[in-house]
Each structure stands twice: as C-alpha cells, then as structure tokens.
Amino acid sequence: MHRAHTPLFALLPLLVLVLGLAACIEDELQLSVEAFSKQCGSDDDCIAVFAGNVCGDCTCPNRSINRSEGDDYDKAREKLSEQCSESLFMQVSCDCAMPKLACVQGQCTASSQY
C-alpha cells in the first residue's frame, strides 16, 4: 500500500489560521489601566501596576494607579491571566526595575528610574 504524503504547502492555510487565532487571543489579553483611577493627593496614594499583554514573558510594573484601586486591578489581572494558555503564558524570571511613582498635578504617574 502506498501512502500519499500531504505537501507542506498544503498545510500553510492551517498554519496561517493558527497564527491568526493566537494573535487575536493575544490582543484580547491586553490589560489596560485606563478604567482605574489615577487621582492622588500625594505620592503615597499611588501604586505600581502592569499594563500590557498579561500572557507575555515579563509583566513588570510600568504604570501607576490610585492605591484604592489595587484590589479591583488585581481581580481584573487575574481574570485575564486565567485565559492564558501554557504556550502563551510562560513565567520567566525578569529583572524588573520598579518605576518611580509620583503624584503629578493630581495624577499618579510612573517613570523609569534609568
């Protein structure tokens, strides 16, 4: 019996579909901090948080929100993180530099300390 082999180029549409779905999933797992309050009266009112792809390699803090929003932020991040597949969500050890937090004109800000 002779087995027919599928030419590799015939698998190209399937590969495109899989990569396209992965890109769509990644876009949906973007954590934004726009909905969280950034209002502050002092630097101590601000906490460092991550915004971006929650399934990415490093999720170092890169934004700042009001401390009172911390629990809601944690819940939103956890809910998104639960959707990460093992192939998209791989914890790696990252050398995260904490951003410098400040209350500037009543808004929490985060800037790199380089």
N, C-alpha and C. Protein backbone atom coordinates (compact mmCIF):
# COMPACT_ATOMS: atom_id res chain seq x y z
N MET A 1 0.81 -1.17 0.00
CA MET A 1 0.00 0.00 0.00
C MET A 1 0.86 1.25 0.00
N HIS A 2 0.52 2.18 -0.83
CA HIS A 2 1.27 3.42 -0.94
C HIS A 2 0.53 4.53 -0.20
N ARG A 3 1.21 5.19 0.72
CA ARG A 3 0.60 6.30 1.46
C ARG A 3 0.88 7.60 0.74
N ALA A 4 -0.15 8.39 0.59
CA ALA A 4 0.04 9.71 -0.02
C ALA A 4 0.50 10.68 1.05
N HIS A 5 1.50 11.45 0.73
CA HIS A 5 2.01 12.45 1.67
C HIS A 5 1.41 13.81 1.32
N THR A 6 1.02 14.53 2.33
CA THR A 6 0.49 15.87 2.13
C THR A 6 1.66 16.82 1.94
N PRO A 7 1.66 17.55 0.84
CA PRO A 7 2.75 18.51 0.63
C PRO A 7 2.71 19.58 1.73
N LEU A 8 3.86 20.03 2.14
CA LEU A 8 3.94 21.02 3.21
C LEU A 8 3.16 22.29 2.88
N PHE A 9 3.20 22.72 1.63
CA PHE A 9 2.50 23.95 1.27
C PHE A 9 0.99 23.82 1.44
N ALA A 10 0.47 22.59 1.45
CA ALA A 10 -0.96 22.38 1.66
C ALA A 10 -1.34 22.67 3.11
N LEU A 11 -0.38 22.62 4.02
CA LEU A 11 -0.63 22.91 5.43
C LEU A 11 -0.54 24.40 5.75
N LEU A 12 -0.11 25.20 4.80
CA LEU A 12 0.06 26.63 5.01
C LEU A 12 -1.22 27.32 5.48
N PRO A 13 -2.39 27.06 4.88
CA PRO A 13 -3.60 27.72 5.37
C PRO A 13 -3.90 27.41 6.83
N LEU A 14 -3.63 26.20 7.25
CA LEU A 14 -3.85 25.82 8.65
C LEU A 14 -2.90 26.59 9.56
N LEU A 15 -1.66 26.71 9.16
CA LEU A 15 -0.68 27.46 9.93
C LEU A 15 -1.08 28.92 10.05
N VAL A 16 -1.53 29.52 8.97
CA VAL A 16 -1.98 30.91 8.97
C VAL A 16 -3.16 31.08 9.93
N LEU A 17 -4.09 30.14 9.92
CA LEU A 17 -5.24 30.19 10.80
C LEU A 17 -4.81 30.12 12.27
N VAL A 18 -3.93 29.20 12.59
CA VAL A 18 -3.46 29.05 13.97
C VAL A 18 -2.74 30.31 14.43
N LEU A 19 -1.86 30.84 13.62
CA LEU A 19 -1.14 32.06 13.99
C LEU A 19 -2.09 33.24 14.12
N GLY A 20 -3.07 33.31 13.26
CA GLY A 20 -4.07 34.37 13.34
C GLY A 20 -4.88 34.30 14.61
N LEU A 21 -5.27 33.10 15.00
CA LEU A 21 -6.02 32.93 16.25
C LEU A 21 -5.17 33.30 17.44
N ALA A 22 -3.90 32.94 17.43
CA ALA A 22 -3.02 33.28 18.53
C ALA A 22 -2.87 34.79 18.65
N ALA A 23 -2.78 35.48 17.51
CA ALA A 23 -2.68 36.94 17.54
C ALA A 23 -3.95 37.56 18.09
N CYS A 24 -5.11 37.03 17.72
CA CYS A 24 -6.38 37.54 18.25
C CYS A 24 -6.46 37.33 19.75
N ILE A 25 -6.05 36.17 20.21
CA ILE A 25 -6.08 35.88 21.65
C ILE A 25 -5.18 36.86 22.39
N GLU A 26 -3.99 37.09 21.84
CA GLU A 26 -3.05 37.98 22.50
C GLU A 26 -3.63 39.39 22.60
N ASP A 27 -4.28 39.88 21.55
CA ASP A 27 -4.88 41.20 21.57
C ASP A 27 -5.95 41.31 22.65
N GLU A 28 -6.71 40.23 22.86
CA GLU A 28 -7.78 40.24 23.84
C GLU A 28 -7.25 40.19 25.26
N LEU A 29 -6.01 39.83 25.46
CA LEU A 29 -5.46 39.68 26.80
C LEU A 29 -4.58 40.86 27.20
N GLN A 30 -4.88 42.00 26.61
CA GLN A 30 -4.19 43.24 26.95
C GLN A 30 -4.87 43.86 28.17
N LEU A 31 -4.12 44.11 29.20
CA LEU A 31 -4.64 44.74 30.39
C LEU A 31 -4.37 46.24 30.30
N SER A 32 -5.43 47.01 30.35
CA SER A 32 -5.33 48.46 30.31
C SER A 32 -5.64 49.00 31.70
N VAL A 33 -5.03 50.10 32.05
CA VAL A 33 -5.32 50.73 33.34
C VAL A 33 -6.16 51.99 33.18
N GLU A 34 -6.67 52.20 31.97
CA GLU A 34 -7.44 53.41 31.71
C GLU A 34 -8.70 53.52 32.58
N ALA A 35 -9.31 52.40 32.94
CA ALA A 35 -10.55 52.43 33.72
C ALA A 35 -10.29 52.64 35.22
N PHE A 36 -9.04 52.57 35.65
CA PHE A 36 -8.72 52.72 37.06
C PHE A 36 -8.35 54.16 37.38
N SER A 37 -8.76 54.61 38.56
CA SER A 37 -8.48 55.98 38.98
C SER A 37 -6.99 56.20 39.15
N LYS A 38 -6.54 57.34 38.69
CA LYS A 38 -5.15 57.74 38.87
C LYS A 38 -5.08 59.00 39.73
N GLN A 39 -6.21 59.43 40.27
CA GLN A 39 -6.24 60.64 41.10
C GLN A 39 -5.45 60.43 42.38
N CYS A 40 -4.76 61.47 42.82
CA CYS A 40 -3.95 61.37 44.02
C CYS A 40 -3.78 62.74 44.66
N GLY A 41 -3.40 62.68 45.94
CA GLY A 41 -3.08 63.90 46.68
C GLY A 41 -1.61 63.92 47.07
N SER A 42 -0.99 62.71 47.06
CA SER A 42 0.44 62.60 47.38
C SER A 42 1.00 61.36 46.69
N ASP A 43 2.32 61.27 46.66
CA ASP A 43 2.97 60.11 46.04
C ASP A 43 2.53 58.80 46.68
N ASP A 44 2.24 58.82 47.99
CA ASP A 44 1.84 57.61 48.71
C ASP A 44 0.49 57.07 48.26
N ASP A 45 -0.28 57.86 47.55
CA ASP A 45 -1.59 57.40 47.05
C ASP A 45 -1.44 56.48 45.85
N CYS A 46 -0.26 56.37 45.29
CA CYS A 46 -0.03 55.66 44.03
C CYS A 46 0.64 54.31 44.24
N ILE A 47 0.25 53.33 43.41
CA ILE A 47 0.90 52.02 43.41
C ILE A 47 1.33 51.69 41.97
N ALA A 48 2.36 50.89 41.86
CA ALA A 48 2.87 50.46 40.55
C ALA A 48 2.10 49.23 40.09
N VAL A 49 1.69 49.22 38.82
CA VAL A 49 0.97 48.10 38.23
C VAL A 49 1.49 47.86 36.82
N PHE A 50 1.11 46.73 36.26
CA PHE A 50 1.49 46.38 34.89
C PHE A 50 0.32 46.64 33.95
N ALA A 51 0.62 47.17 32.78
CA ALA A 51 -0.35 47.30 31.69
C ALA A 51 0.28 46.70 30.45
N GLY A 52 -0.48 45.89 29.71
CA GLY A 52 0.04 45.25 28.51
C GLY A 52 -0.47 43.82 28.41
N ASN A 53 0.23 42.99 27.66
CA ASN A 53 -0.16 41.60 27.44
C ASN A 53 0.13 40.77 28.69
N VAL A 54 -0.93 40.35 29.38
CA VAL A 54 -0.76 39.59 30.63
C VAL A 54 -0.15 38.22 30.40
N CYS A 55 -0.12 37.76 29.17
CA CYS A 55 0.47 36.45 28.86
C CYS A 55 1.90 36.59 28.36
N GLY A 56 2.44 37.77 28.41
CA GLY A 56 3.79 37.99 27.91
C GLY A 56 4.85 37.45 28.83
N ASP A 57 6.07 37.48 28.37
CA ASP A 57 7.20 36.96 29.13
C ASP A 57 7.39 37.70 30.46
N CYS A 58 7.46 39.00 30.39
CA CYS A 58 7.68 39.81 31.60
C CYS A 58 6.51 40.77 31.76
N THR A 59 6.00 40.81 32.96
CA THR A 59 4.89 41.72 33.24
C THR A 59 5.30 42.66 34.37
N CYS A 60 6.40 43.34 34.14
CA CYS A 60 6.94 44.26 35.13
C CYS A 60 6.04 45.49 35.25
N PRO A 61 5.95 46.05 36.46
CA PRO A 61 5.16 47.27 36.63
C PRO A 61 5.65 48.37 35.70
N ASN A 62 4.70 49.01 35.02
CA ASN A 62 5.06 50.06 34.08
C ASN A 62 4.07 51.23 34.09
N ARG A 63 3.07 51.18 34.97
CA ARG A 63 2.07 52.24 35.10
C ARG A 63 1.78 52.46 36.58
N SER A 64 0.96 53.45 36.86
CA SER A 64 0.60 53.74 38.23
C SER A 64 -0.88 54.07 38.32
N ILE A 65 -1.52 53.58 39.38
CA ILE A 65 -2.93 53.88 39.64
C ILE A 65 -3.07 54.23 41.12
N ASN A 66 -4.25 54.72 41.50
CA ASN A 66 -4.51 55.04 42.89
C ASN A 66 -4.53 53.76 43.72
N ARG A 67 -3.95 53.82 44.88
CA ARG A 67 -3.84 52.68 45.79
C ARG A 67 -5.21 52.04 46.06
N SER A 68 -6.27 52.83 46.14
CA SER A 68 -7.60 52.31 46.43
C SER A 68 -8.14 51.40 45.33
N GLU A 69 -7.53 51.45 44.15
CA GLU A 69 -7.95 50.63 43.01
C GLU A 69 -7.21 49.30 42.94
N GLY A 70 -6.29 49.07 43.87
CA GLY A 70 -5.42 47.89 43.83
C GLY A 70 -6.17 46.56 43.79
N ASP A 71 -7.18 46.40 44.64
CA ASP A 71 -7.92 45.12 44.66
C ASP A 71 -8.66 44.89 43.35
N ASP A 72 -9.30 45.92 42.81
CA ASP A 72 -10.01 45.78 41.54
C ASP A 72 -9.04 45.48 40.40
N TYR A 73 -7.87 46.13 40.43
CA TYR A 73 -6.85 45.86 39.42
C TYR A 73 -6.41 44.40 39.50
N ASP A 74 -6.13 43.91 40.72
CA ASP A 74 -5.69 42.52 40.90
C ASP A 74 -6.73 41.54 40.37
N LYS A 75 -8.00 41.80 40.62
CA LYS A 75 -9.08 40.93 40.12
C LYS A 75 -9.12 40.94 38.59
N ALA A 76 -9.01 42.11 37.99
CA ALA A 76 -9.03 42.21 36.52
C ALA A 76 -7.84 41.48 35.91
N ARG A 77 -6.68 41.64 36.51
CA ARG A 77 -5.47 40.97 36.00
C ARG A 77 -5.59 39.46 36.14
N GLU A 78 -6.09 38.99 37.28
CA GLU A 78 -6.25 37.56 37.49
C GLU A 78 -7.24 36.96 36.49
N LYS A 79 -8.33 37.66 36.24
CA LYS A 79 -9.35 37.17 35.30
C LYS A 79 -8.75 37.02 33.90
N LEU A 80 -7.97 38.00 33.46
CA LEU A 80 -7.33 37.90 32.14
C LEU A 80 -6.27 36.81 32.13
N SER A 81 -5.48 36.71 33.19
CA SER A 81 -4.39 35.73 33.25
C SER A 81 -4.91 34.30 33.17
N GLU A 82 -6.12 34.07 33.67
CA GLU A 82 -6.70 32.73 33.62
C GLU A 82 -6.91 32.25 32.19
N GLN A 83 -6.97 33.18 31.24
CA GLN A 83 -7.20 32.84 29.84
C GLN A 83 -5.91 32.51 29.10
N CYS A 84 -4.79 32.70 29.74
CA CYS A 84 -3.51 32.43 29.08
C CYS A 84 -3.31 30.92 28.96
N SER A 85 -3.00 30.48 27.76
CA SER A 85 -2.65 29.08 27.59
C SER A 85 -1.19 28.91 27.98
N GLU A 86 -0.79 27.69 28.23
CA GLU A 86 0.61 27.46 28.60
C GLU A 86 1.55 27.94 27.52
N SER A 87 1.13 27.86 26.27
CA SER A 87 2.02 28.29 25.19
C SER A 87 2.13 29.81 25.15
N LEU A 88 1.11 30.52 25.65
CA LEU A 88 1.17 31.98 25.65
C LEU A 88 1.67 32.53 26.97
N PHE A 89 1.52 31.77 28.04
CA PHE A 89 1.83 32.27 29.37
C PHE A 89 2.96 31.47 29.96
N MET A 90 4.14 32.01 29.90
CA MET A 90 5.28 31.32 30.45
C MET A 90 5.97 32.27 31.42
N GLN A 91 5.94 31.91 32.69
CA GLN A 91 6.60 32.75 33.69
C GLN A 91 8.10 32.61 33.50
N VAL A 92 8.73 33.71 33.33
CA VAL A 92 10.18 33.73 33.27
C VAL A 92 10.66 34.71 34.32
N SER A 93 11.85 34.52 34.73
CA SER A 93 12.42 35.42 35.72
C SER A 93 12.86 36.69 35.01
N CYS A 94 12.28 37.80 35.42
CA CYS A 94 12.60 39.08 34.81
C CYS A 94 13.27 39.98 35.83
N ASP A 95 14.20 40.74 35.36
CA ASP A 95 14.87 41.71 36.21
C ASP A 95 14.10 43.02 36.09
N CYS A 96 13.05 43.14 36.88
CA CYS A 96 12.18 44.31 36.80
C CYS A 96 12.71 45.45 37.64
N ALA A 97 12.81 46.59 37.04
CA ALA A 97 13.15 47.81 37.77
C ALA A 97 11.83 48.49 38.12
N MET A 98 11.64 48.78 39.39
CA MET A 98 10.40 49.44 39.80
C MET A 98 10.40 50.87 39.28
N PRO A 99 9.26 51.26 38.70
CA PRO A 99 9.18 52.64 38.22
C PRO A 99 9.13 53.61 39.40
N LYS A 100 9.54 54.84 39.15
CA LYS A 100 9.44 55.89 40.16
C LYS A 100 8.01 56.42 40.12
N LEU A 101 7.33 56.34 41.24
CA LEU A 101 5.94 56.78 41.33
C LEU A 101 5.89 58.20 41.86
N ALA A 102 4.98 58.97 41.29
CA ALA A 102 4.80 60.35 41.75
C ALA A 102 3.37 60.79 41.49
N CYS A 103 2.92 61.69 42.34
CA CYS A 103 1.63 62.33 42.13
C CYS A 103 1.94 63.68 41.48
N VAL A 104 1.60 63.79 40.21
CA VAL A 104 1.91 65.00 39.45
C VAL A 104 0.60 65.64 39.02
N GLN A 105 0.37 66.83 39.50
CA GLN A 105 -0.86 67.58 39.19
C GLN A 105 -2.11 66.73 39.45
N GLY A 106 -2.08 66.01 40.58
CA GLY A 106 -3.24 65.23 41.00
C GLY A 106 -3.42 63.91 40.28
N GLN A 107 -2.40 63.45 39.52
CA GLN A 107 -2.48 62.18 38.78
C GLN A 107 -1.27 61.31 39.09
N CYS A 108 -1.53 60.03 39.38
CA CYS A 108 -0.43 59.09 39.61
C CYS A 108 0.34 58.90 38.30
N THR A 109 1.64 58.93 38.39
CA THR A 109 2.49 58.71 37.23
C THR A 109 3.57 57.69 37.59
N ALA A 110 4.09 57.02 36.59
CA ALA A 110 5.20 56.08 36.76
C ALA A 110 6.23 56.38 35.69
N SER A 111 7.46 56.51 36.12
CA SER A 111 8.53 56.74 35.14
C SER A 111 9.69 55.83 35.47
N SER A 112 10.46 55.48 34.45
CA SER A 112 11.60 54.60 34.66
C SER A 112 12.67 55.36 35.44
N GLN A 113 13.45 54.60 36.17
CA GLN A 113 14.49 55.21 37.02
C GLN A 113 15.87 55.09 36.40
N TYR A 114 15.96 54.91 35.11
CA TYR A 114 17.27 54.69 34.47
C TYR A 114 18.14 55.90 34.61
